[in-house]
Amino acid sequence: MLERELTPQILDQYLGIASWVDNKIAPPKKPKASQMFNLIQIIPDKTDHNKYGKTKIRITPTSKQLQIYELVLNIMLKTTAEYRDLIYIKNFPYRKSYRDMKYFFVGDSHETIRTKYNNALFDVARMVNKIGLQKFI
């Protein structure tokens, strides 16, 4: 169950979870057309211990993580473009530090960017609480 009232700290945690889930969700599949290199089946040698018989470990998000991801997507649709860009640059495709964000905001210090980001989180959390969190779920 999600929190009753959204605070900027909880929203920041939800954005971190949504960023992680975004990396784990499978991308949309393109239509498959057989190509020349797909027609040839390559089977590894049984003496090659690096590749034979090993499968990739697949990490799947839980239902609560998917619910948080969907909540963040719905919240981002309602925010202003300025806040959306700032939050997207900070959190997606992976979380960046404020010093790394200086490359996107030329002329601003990392402390100015941090203040803008915290103000954006505060305004978005206030907007969600004003409308009601249940409207976004």
N, C-alpha and C. Protein backbone atom coordinates (compact mmCIF):
# COMPACT_ATOMS: atom_id res chain seq x y z
N MET A 1 0.85 -1.18 0.00
CA MET A 1 0.00 0.00 0.00
C MET A 1 0.89 1.23 0.00
N LEU A 2 0.51 2.21 -0.77
CA LEU A 2 1.27 3.45 -0.86
C LEU A 2 0.90 4.38 0.29
N GLU A 3 1.75 5.38 0.49
CA GLU A 3 1.54 6.33 1.59
C GLU A 3 0.25 7.13 1.36
N ARG A 4 -0.31 7.65 2.46
CA ARG A 4 -1.51 8.47 2.36
C ARG A 4 -1.20 9.85 1.81
N GLU A 5 -0.12 10.43 2.30
CA GLU A 5 0.26 11.77 1.88
C GLU A 5 1.66 11.71 1.29
N LEU A 6 1.84 12.39 0.19
CA LEU A 6 3.12 12.35 -0.52
C LEU A 6 3.98 13.53 -0.08
N THR A 7 5.16 13.24 0.44
CA THR A 7 6.11 14.28 0.81
C THR A 7 7.21 14.30 -0.25
N PRO A 8 8.00 15.38 -0.31
CA PRO A 8 9.10 15.41 -1.29
C PRO A 8 10.10 14.27 -1.10
N GLN A 9 10.35 13.86 0.14
CA GLN A 9 11.29 12.77 0.38
C GLN A 9 10.74 11.44 -0.15
N ILE A 10 9.46 11.19 0.09
CA ILE A 10 8.84 9.96 -0.41
C ILE A 10 8.79 9.99 -1.92
N LEU A 11 8.48 11.15 -2.50
CA LEU A 11 8.46 11.27 -3.96
C LEU A 11 9.83 11.01 -4.55
N ASP A 12 10.88 11.47 -3.90
CA ASP A 12 12.24 11.23 -4.37
C ASP A 12 12.57 9.73 -4.30
N GLN A 13 12.14 9.06 -3.25
CA GLN A 13 12.33 7.61 -3.16
C GLN A 13 11.56 6.89 -4.27
N TYR A 14 10.33 7.32 -4.52
CA TYR A 14 9.53 6.72 -5.59
C TYR A 14 10.18 6.94 -6.96
N LEU A 15 10.78 8.10 -7.16
CA LEU A 15 11.47 8.35 -8.43
C LEU A 15 12.68 7.43 -8.59
N GLY A 16 13.39 7.16 -7.49
CA GLY A 16 14.51 6.23 -7.55
C GLY A 16 14.05 4.81 -7.89
N ILE A 17 12.93 4.39 -7.30
CA ILE A 17 12.38 3.07 -7.60
C ILE A 17 11.91 3.01 -9.04
N ALA A 18 11.26 4.08 -9.51
CA ALA A 18 10.77 4.12 -10.89
C ALA A 18 11.93 4.09 -11.89
N SER A 19 13.03 4.73 -11.54
CA SER A 19 14.21 4.71 -12.40
C SER A 19 14.77 3.30 -12.50
N TRP A 20 14.81 2.58 -11.39
CA TRP A 20 15.31 1.21 -11.40
C TRP A 20 14.37 0.29 -12.20
N VAL A 21 13.06 0.46 -11.99
CA VAL A 21 12.09 -0.37 -12.70
C VAL A 21 12.14 -0.09 -14.19
N ASP A 22 12.37 1.16 -14.57
CA ASP A 22 12.44 1.52 -15.99
C ASP A 22 13.57 0.78 -16.69
N ASN A 23 14.67 0.54 -15.98
CA ASN A 23 15.78 -0.21 -16.56
C ASN A 23 15.48 -1.70 -16.67
N LYS A 24 14.60 -2.22 -15.80
CA LYS A 24 14.33 -3.66 -15.76
C LYS A 24 13.18 -4.08 -16.67
N ILE A 25 12.33 -3.15 -17.06
CA ILE A 25 11.20 -3.50 -17.93
C ILE A 25 11.72 -3.74 -19.34
N ALA A 26 11.19 -4.79 -19.94
CA ALA A 26 11.62 -5.13 -21.30
C ALA A 26 11.14 -4.06 -22.28
N PRO A 27 11.98 -3.69 -23.23
CA PRO A 27 11.55 -2.69 -24.23
C PRO A 27 10.53 -3.30 -25.18
N PRO A 28 9.80 -2.47 -25.89
CA PRO A 28 8.85 -3.01 -26.86
C PRO A 28 9.60 -3.78 -27.96
N LYS A 29 9.02 -4.87 -28.39
CA LYS A 29 9.68 -5.71 -29.38
C LYS A 29 9.34 -5.24 -30.79
N LYS A 30 10.35 -5.22 -31.61
CA LYS A 30 10.17 -4.85 -33.01
C LYS A 30 9.66 -6.08 -33.76
N PRO A 31 8.99 -5.87 -34.89
CA PRO A 31 8.59 -7.03 -35.68
C PRO A 31 9.82 -7.78 -36.19
N LYS A 32 9.76 -9.09 -36.07
CA LYS A 32 10.92 -9.89 -36.44
C LYS A 32 10.90 -10.25 -37.90
N ALA A 33 12.00 -10.02 -38.53
CA ALA A 33 12.21 -10.47 -39.90
C ALA A 33 13.51 -11.26 -39.89
N SER A 34 13.49 -12.44 -40.47
CA SER A 34 14.70 -13.24 -40.43
C SER A 34 15.77 -12.59 -41.29
N GLN A 35 16.94 -12.52 -40.72
CA GLN A 35 18.08 -11.97 -41.44
C GLN A 35 19.11 -13.07 -41.61
N MET A 36 20.08 -12.82 -42.42
CA MET A 36 21.05 -13.85 -42.76
C MET A 36 21.75 -14.40 -41.53
N PHE A 37 22.17 -13.53 -40.61
CA PHE A 37 22.90 -14.02 -39.46
C PHE A 37 22.00 -14.72 -38.46
N ASN A 38 20.66 -14.52 -38.54
CA ASN A 38 19.74 -15.23 -37.66
C ASN A 38 19.43 -16.63 -38.16
N LEU A 39 19.65 -16.89 -39.43
CA LEU A 39 19.34 -18.20 -39.98
C LEU A 39 20.38 -19.24 -39.58
N ILE A 40 21.59 -18.81 -39.30
CA ILE A 40 22.66 -19.72 -38.92
C ILE A 40 22.62 -19.89 -37.40
N GLN A 41 22.48 -21.12 -36.95
CA GLN A 41 22.43 -21.37 -35.52
C GLN A 41 23.84 -21.65 -35.02
N ILE A 42 24.25 -20.89 -34.02
CA ILE A 42 25.58 -21.06 -33.46
C ILE A 42 25.44 -21.76 -32.12
N ILE A 43 26.06 -22.92 -31.99
CA ILE A 43 26.01 -23.69 -30.76
C ILE A 43 27.39 -23.63 -30.13
N PRO A 44 27.47 -23.25 -28.86
CA PRO A 44 28.79 -23.20 -28.22
C PRO A 44 29.36 -24.60 -28.01
N ASP A 45 30.65 -24.69 -27.99
CA ASP A 45 31.34 -25.95 -27.77
C ASP A 45 31.16 -26.38 -26.31
N LYS A 46 31.03 -27.68 -26.05
CA LYS A 46 30.82 -28.15 -24.68
C LYS A 46 32.04 -27.92 -23.80
N THR A 47 33.19 -27.75 -24.39
CA THR A 47 34.39 -27.49 -23.59
C THR A 47 34.53 -26.02 -23.23
N ASP A 48 33.73 -25.17 -23.85
CA ASP A 48 33.77 -23.74 -23.54
C ASP A 48 32.89 -23.51 -22.31
N HIS A 49 33.50 -23.43 -21.14
CA HIS A 49 32.75 -23.36 -19.89
C HIS A 49 32.21 -21.97 -19.60
N ASN A 50 32.62 -21.00 -20.35
CA ASN A 50 32.11 -19.65 -20.09
C ASN A 50 30.69 -19.46 -20.57
N LYS A 51 30.29 -20.14 -21.63
CA LYS A 51 28.98 -19.88 -22.22
C LYS A 51 28.04 -21.07 -22.21
N TYR A 52 28.57 -22.26 -22.09
CA TYR A 52 27.73 -23.45 -22.24
C TYR A 52 26.91 -23.70 -20.97
N GLY A 53 25.61 -23.81 -21.12
CA GLY A 53 24.74 -24.18 -20.02
C GLY A 53 24.43 -23.08 -19.02
N LYS A 54 24.87 -21.87 -19.26
CA LYS A 54 24.59 -20.78 -18.33
C LYS A 54 23.45 -19.92 -18.88
N THR A 55 22.60 -19.52 -18.00
CA THR A 55 21.52 -18.62 -18.38
C THR A 55 21.70 -17.30 -17.64
N LYS A 56 21.16 -16.27 -18.23
CA LYS A 56 21.23 -14.97 -17.58
C LYS A 56 20.24 -14.93 -16.42
N ILE A 57 20.68 -14.32 -15.34
CA ILE A 57 19.78 -14.11 -14.20
C ILE A 57 18.90 -12.92 -14.53
N ARG A 58 17.60 -13.12 -14.44
CA ARG A 58 16.68 -12.06 -14.78
C ARG A 58 16.03 -11.53 -13.51
N ILE A 59 16.18 -10.26 -13.27
CA ILE A 59 15.58 -9.63 -12.10
C ILE A 59 14.28 -8.97 -12.54
N THR A 60 13.18 -9.34 -11.90
CA THR A 60 11.89 -8.76 -12.26
C THR A 60 11.39 -7.90 -11.11
N PRO A 61 10.79 -6.76 -11.41
CA PRO A 61 10.25 -5.89 -10.37
C PRO A 61 9.02 -6.53 -9.70
N THR A 62 8.80 -6.18 -8.45
CA THR A 62 7.64 -6.67 -7.72
C THR A 62 6.41 -5.86 -8.11
N SER A 63 5.26 -6.31 -7.63
CA SER A 63 4.01 -5.61 -7.96
C SER A 63 3.98 -4.21 -7.35
N LYS A 64 4.54 -4.06 -6.14
CA LYS A 64 4.56 -2.73 -5.52
C LYS A 64 5.47 -1.78 -6.29
N GLN A 65 6.61 -2.29 -6.77
CA GLN A 65 7.51 -1.47 -7.56
C GLN A 65 6.86 -1.06 -8.87
N LEU A 66 6.11 -1.96 -9.48
CA LEU A 66 5.38 -1.60 -10.71
C LEU A 66 4.28 -0.58 -10.43
N GLN A 67 3.63 -0.69 -9.28
CA GLN A 67 2.61 0.28 -8.90
C GLN A 67 3.22 1.67 -8.70
N ILE A 68 4.39 1.72 -8.07
CA ILE A 68 5.09 2.99 -7.88
C ILE A 68 5.51 3.57 -9.22
N TYR A 69 5.99 2.71 -10.13
CA TYR A 69 6.38 3.15 -11.47
C TYR A 69 5.20 3.77 -12.21
N GLU A 70 4.04 3.13 -12.13
CA GLU A 70 2.85 3.65 -12.79
C GLU A 70 2.39 4.96 -12.15
N LEU A 71 2.50 5.05 -10.81
CA LEU A 71 2.15 6.29 -10.11
C LEU A 71 3.03 7.44 -10.56
N VAL A 72 4.34 7.19 -10.67
CA VAL A 72 5.28 8.23 -11.09
C VAL A 72 4.97 8.67 -12.52
N LEU A 73 4.64 7.72 -13.40
CA LEU A 73 4.29 8.08 -14.77
C LEU A 73 3.06 8.98 -14.81
N ASN A 74 2.04 8.64 -14.03
CA ASN A 74 0.83 9.45 -14.00
C ASN A 74 1.08 10.83 -13.40
N ILE A 75 1.94 10.91 -12.41
CA ILE A 75 2.26 12.20 -11.81
C ILE A 75 3.02 13.07 -12.80
N MET A 76 3.97 12.48 -13.53
CA MET A 76 4.77 13.25 -14.49
C MET A 76 3.91 13.82 -15.63
N LEU A 77 2.81 13.15 -15.94
CA LEU A 77 1.92 13.68 -16.98
C LEU A 77 1.25 14.99 -16.55
N LYS A 78 1.03 15.15 -15.25
CA LYS A 78 0.33 16.33 -14.74
C LYS A 78 1.25 17.50 -14.40
N THR A 79 2.56 17.27 -14.34
CA THR A 79 3.47 18.34 -13.94
C THR A 79 3.76 19.27 -15.11
N THR A 80 4.36 20.41 -14.80
CA THR A 80 4.73 21.35 -15.85
C THR A 80 5.94 20.83 -16.60
N ALA A 81 6.17 21.35 -17.78
CA ALA A 81 7.28 20.88 -18.63
C ALA A 81 8.64 21.16 -17.97
N GLU A 82 8.76 22.29 -17.29
CA GLU A 82 10.03 22.63 -16.65
C GLU A 82 10.37 21.64 -15.54
N TYR A 83 9.39 21.33 -14.70
CA TYR A 83 9.62 20.37 -13.62
C TYR A 83 9.86 18.97 -14.19
N ARG A 84 9.11 18.62 -15.22
CA ARG A 84 9.25 17.30 -15.82
C ARG A 84 10.65 17.09 -16.38
N ASP A 85 11.19 18.10 -17.06
CA ASP A 85 12.54 18.00 -17.61
C ASP A 85 13.58 17.87 -16.51
N LEU A 86 13.45 18.68 -15.47
CA LEU A 86 14.40 18.64 -14.36
C LEU A 86 14.38 17.29 -13.66
N ILE A 87 13.21 16.77 -13.39
CA ILE A 87 13.08 15.48 -12.71
C ILE A 87 13.55 14.35 -13.61
N TYR A 88 13.24 14.44 -14.90
CA TYR A 88 13.68 13.39 -15.83
C TYR A 88 15.20 13.35 -15.95
N ILE A 89 15.83 14.50 -16.06
CA ILE A 89 17.30 14.54 -16.19
C ILE A 89 17.95 13.98 -14.94
N LYS A 90 17.39 14.27 -13.78
CA LYS A 90 17.98 13.79 -12.52
C LYS A 90 17.85 12.27 -12.36
N ASN A 91 16.71 11.70 -12.76
CA ASN A 91 16.41 10.33 -12.40
C ASN A 91 16.50 9.29 -13.52
N PHE A 92 16.36 9.67 -14.77
CA PHE A 92 16.28 8.68 -15.84
C PHE A 92 17.41 8.87 -16.82
N PRO A 93 18.01 7.90 -17.41
CA PRO A 93 17.81 6.45 -17.26
C PRO A 93 18.43 5.89 -16.00
N TYR A 94 19.25 6.65 -15.31
CA TYR A 94 19.78 6.27 -14.00
C TYR A 94 19.92 7.56 -13.20
N ARG A 95 20.00 7.42 -11.88
CA ARG A 95 20.07 8.61 -11.03
C ARG A 95 21.44 9.27 -11.13
N LYS A 96 21.42 10.58 -11.31
CA LYS A 96 22.66 11.34 -11.45
C LYS A 96 22.86 12.25 -10.23
N SER A 97 24.09 12.61 -10.00
CA SER A 97 24.38 13.56 -8.92
C SER A 97 24.12 14.98 -9.45
N TYR A 98 24.06 15.91 -8.53
CA TYR A 98 23.84 17.30 -8.94
C TYR A 98 25.03 17.85 -9.71
N ARG A 99 26.21 17.36 -9.40
CA ARG A 99 27.40 17.80 -10.14
C ARG A 99 27.38 17.28 -11.57
N ASP A 100 26.85 16.07 -11.78
CA ASP A 100 26.71 15.55 -13.15
C ASP A 100 25.65 16.32 -13.94
N MET A 101 24.67 16.86 -13.24
CA MET A 101 23.61 17.61 -13.91
C MET A 101 24.07 18.98 -14.38
N LYS A 102 25.25 19.44 -13.92
CA LYS A 102 25.75 20.75 -14.34
C LYS A 102 25.98 20.81 -15.84
N TYR A 103 26.20 19.66 -16.48
CA TYR A 103 26.41 19.65 -17.92
C TYR A 103 25.13 19.97 -18.69
N PHE A 104 23.99 19.71 -18.07
CA PHE A 104 22.71 20.02 -18.71
C PHE A 104 22.25 21.44 -18.43
N PHE A 105 22.71 22.01 -17.32
CA PHE A 105 22.33 23.36 -16.94
C PHE A 105 23.59 24.21 -16.88
N VAL A 106 24.01 24.68 -18.01
CA VAL A 106 25.26 25.44 -18.11
C VAL A 106 25.08 26.78 -17.41
N GLY A 107 26.02 27.11 -16.56
CA GLY A 107 25.98 28.39 -15.85
C GLY A 107 25.40 28.29 -14.46
N ASP A 108 24.75 27.19 -14.12
CA ASP A 108 24.20 27.01 -12.78
C ASP A 108 25.14 26.15 -11.94
N SER A 109 25.26 26.48 -10.67
CA SER A 109 26.07 25.65 -9.78
C SER A 109 25.26 24.43 -9.36
N HIS A 110 25.93 23.45 -8.79
CA HIS A 110 25.22 22.25 -8.36
C HIS A 110 24.27 22.55 -7.20
N GLU A 111 24.57 23.55 -6.41
CA GLU A 111 23.67 23.93 -5.31
C GLU A 111 22.40 24.58 -5.85
N THR A 112 22.53 25.37 -6.91
CA THR A 112 21.35 25.98 -7.54
C THR A 112 20.46 24.89 -8.15
N ILE A 113 21.09 23.92 -8.78
CA ILE A 113 20.33 22.81 -9.38
C ILE A 113 19.64 22.00 -8.29
N ARG A 114 20.33 21.78 -7.16
CA ARG A 114 19.73 21.04 -6.05
C ARG A 114 18.52 21.78 -5.49
N THR A 115 18.64 23.09 -5.37
CA THR A 115 17.52 23.89 -4.86
C THR A 115 16.34 23.84 -5.83
N LYS A 116 16.61 23.96 -7.12
CA LYS A 116 15.54 23.87 -8.12
C LYS A 116 14.85 22.50 -8.07
N TYR A 117 15.65 21.45 -7.93
CA TYR A 117 15.11 20.09 -7.88
C TYR A 117 14.24 19.89 -6.64
N ASN A 118 14.72 20.35 -5.49
CA ASN A 118 13.93 20.22 -4.27
C ASN A 118 12.65 21.04 -4.33
N ASN A 119 12.72 22.23 -4.93
CA ASN A 119 11.51 23.04 -5.10
C ASN A 119 10.52 22.35 -6.04
N ALA A 120 11.04 21.73 -7.09
CA ALA A 120 10.17 21.00 -8.02
C ALA A 120 9.49 19.83 -7.31
N LEU A 121 10.25 19.08 -6.50
CA LEU A 121 9.65 17.97 -5.74
C LEU A 121 8.59 18.46 -4.78
N PHE A 122 8.86 19.58 -4.12
CA PHE A 122 7.90 20.14 -3.18
C PHE A 122 6.61 20.55 -3.90
N ASP A 123 6.74 21.24 -5.03
CA ASP A 123 5.56 21.70 -5.77
C ASP A 123 4.76 20.52 -6.33
N VAL A 124 5.45 19.50 -6.82
CA VAL A 124 4.76 18.34 -7.38
C VAL A 124 4.05 17.57 -6.26
N ALA A 125 4.70 17.40 -5.11
CA ALA A 125 4.07 16.71 -3.99
C ALA A 125 2.86 17.49 -3.48
N ARG A 126 2.96 18.80 -3.44
CA ARG A 126 1.83 19.63 -3.02
C ARG A 126 0.67 19.52 -4.00
N MET A 127 0.98 19.49 -5.30
CA MET A 127 -0.06 19.35 -6.32
C MET A 127 -0.76 18.00 -6.19
N VAL A 128 0.00 16.94 -5.96
CA VAL A 128 -0.58 15.60 -5.82
C VAL A 128 -1.45 15.53 -4.58
N ASN A 129 -1.00 16.09 -3.48
CA ASN A 129 -1.79 16.06 -2.25
C ASN A 129 -3.05 16.90 -2.38
N LYS A 130 -2.98 17.96 -3.15
CA LYS A 130 -4.15 18.83 -3.35
C LYS A 130 -5.23 18.11 -4.17
N ILE A 131 -4.79 17.43 -5.23
CA ILE A 131 -5.74 16.69 -6.07
C ILE A 131 -6.19 15.42 -5.37
N GLY A 132 -5.29 14.76 -4.70
CA GLY A 132 -5.59 13.50 -4.02
C GLY A 132 -4.76 12.38 -4.66
N LEU A 133 -4.07 11.63 -3.84
CA LEU A 133 -3.18 10.58 -4.33
C LEU A 133 -3.95 9.47 -5.03
N GLN A 134 -5.18 9.23 -4.60
CA GLN A 134 -5.97 8.13 -5.20
C GLN A 134 -6.33 8.41 -6.65
N LYS A 135 -6.33 9.67 -7.06
CA LYS A 135 -6.64 10.00 -8.46
C LYS A 135 -5.53 9.58 -9.41
N PHE A 136 -4.31 9.42 -8.89
CA PHE A 136 -3.17 9.07 -9.72
C PHE A 136 -2.91 7.58 -9.80
N ILE A 137 -3.49 6.81 -8.91
CA ILE A 137 -3.24 5.37 -8.88
C ILE A 137 -4.10 4.65 -9.89
